[in-house]
Amino acid sequence: MDNGCEYCAYYAYDEEDEEYYCDVYMDEDDAAKLAQGHYRSCPYFKSGDEYAVVRKQM
């Protein structure tokens, strides 16, 4: 599944573990569905590009 996590607003860096992780709250069922590939793309994806809206207006 190519969900583009590195461009997601919920993709956060944990300094203690020195790694990135998904910071969206999911229950166990949703996390299992996502891990097993039941979705074509991540249903929680939110663009972290703050300038995307501005580029569309230009």
Protein backbone atom coordinates (compact mmCIF):
# COMPACT_ATOMS: atom_id res chain seq x y z
CA MET A 1 0.00 0.00 0.00
CA ASP A 2 1.50 3.30 -1.08
CA ASN A 3 -0.17 5.82 1.20
CA GLY A 4 2.46 8.58 1.22
CA CYS A 5 2.89 8.68 4.99
CA GLU A 6 5.85 11.04 4.71
CA TYR A 7 3.47 13.71 3.32
CA CYS A 8 0.79 13.17 5.95
CA ALA A 9 0.07 15.68 8.72
CA TYR A 10 -0.21 12.80 11.21
CA TYR A 11 3.29 11.45 10.47
CA ALA A 12 5.20 12.49 13.58
CA TYR A 13 8.79 12.06 14.71
CA ASP A 14 9.43 10.60 18.16
CA GLU A 15 12.73 11.95 19.47
CA GLU A 16 12.91 9.36 22.23
CA ASP A 17 12.65 6.38 19.85
CA GLU A 18 14.27 8.30 16.95
CA GLU A 19 11.69 7.15 14.42
CA TYR A 20 8.53 8.29 12.68
CA TYR A 21 5.07 6.94 13.44
CA CYS A 22 1.42 7.58 12.59
CA ASP A 23 -0.06 9.88 15.25
CA VAL A 24 -3.73 9.41 14.36
CA TYR A 25 -5.96 7.79 16.98
CA MET A 26 -7.33 4.43 15.74
CA ASP A 27 -9.05 1.65 17.58
CA GLU A 28 -7.64 -1.88 17.36
CA ASP A 29 -10.00 -2.94 14.57
CA ASP A 30 -9.04 -0.03 12.31
CA ALA A 31 -5.33 -0.55 12.98
CA ALA A 32 -5.64 -4.24 12.08
CA LYS A 33 -7.55 -3.46 8.87
CA LEU A 34 -4.92 -0.92 7.85
CA ALA A 35 -2.06 -3.32 8.61
CA GLN A 36 -3.72 -6.18 6.69
CA GLY A 37 -4.22 -4.03 3.59
CA HIS A 38 -8.01 -3.76 3.57
CA TYR A 39 -7.76 -0.18 2.26
CA ARG A 40 -6.38 0.95 -1.11
CA SER A 41 -5.02 4.08 0.58
CA CYS A 42 -4.98 5.33 4.14
CA PRO A 43 -8.43 6.64 5.15
CA TYR A 44 -6.79 8.96 7.69
CA PHE A 45 -4.43 10.70 5.27
CA LYS A 46 -4.41 14.47 5.68
CA SER A 47 -2.03 16.50 3.56
CA GLY A 48 0.67 18.14 5.63
CA ASP A 49 1.39 20.60 2.82
CA GLU A 50 0.23 23.93 4.23
CA TYR A 51 0.71 25.68 0.90
CA ALA A 52 -1.44 23.36 -1.25
CA VAL A 53 -4.49 25.61 -0.94
CA VAL A 54 -2.49 28.73 -1.77
CA ARG A 55 -1.07 27.13 -4.94
CA LYS A 56 -4.60 26.28 -6.11
CA GLN A 57 -5.71 29.91 -5.66
CA MET A 58 -2.88 31.29 -7.81
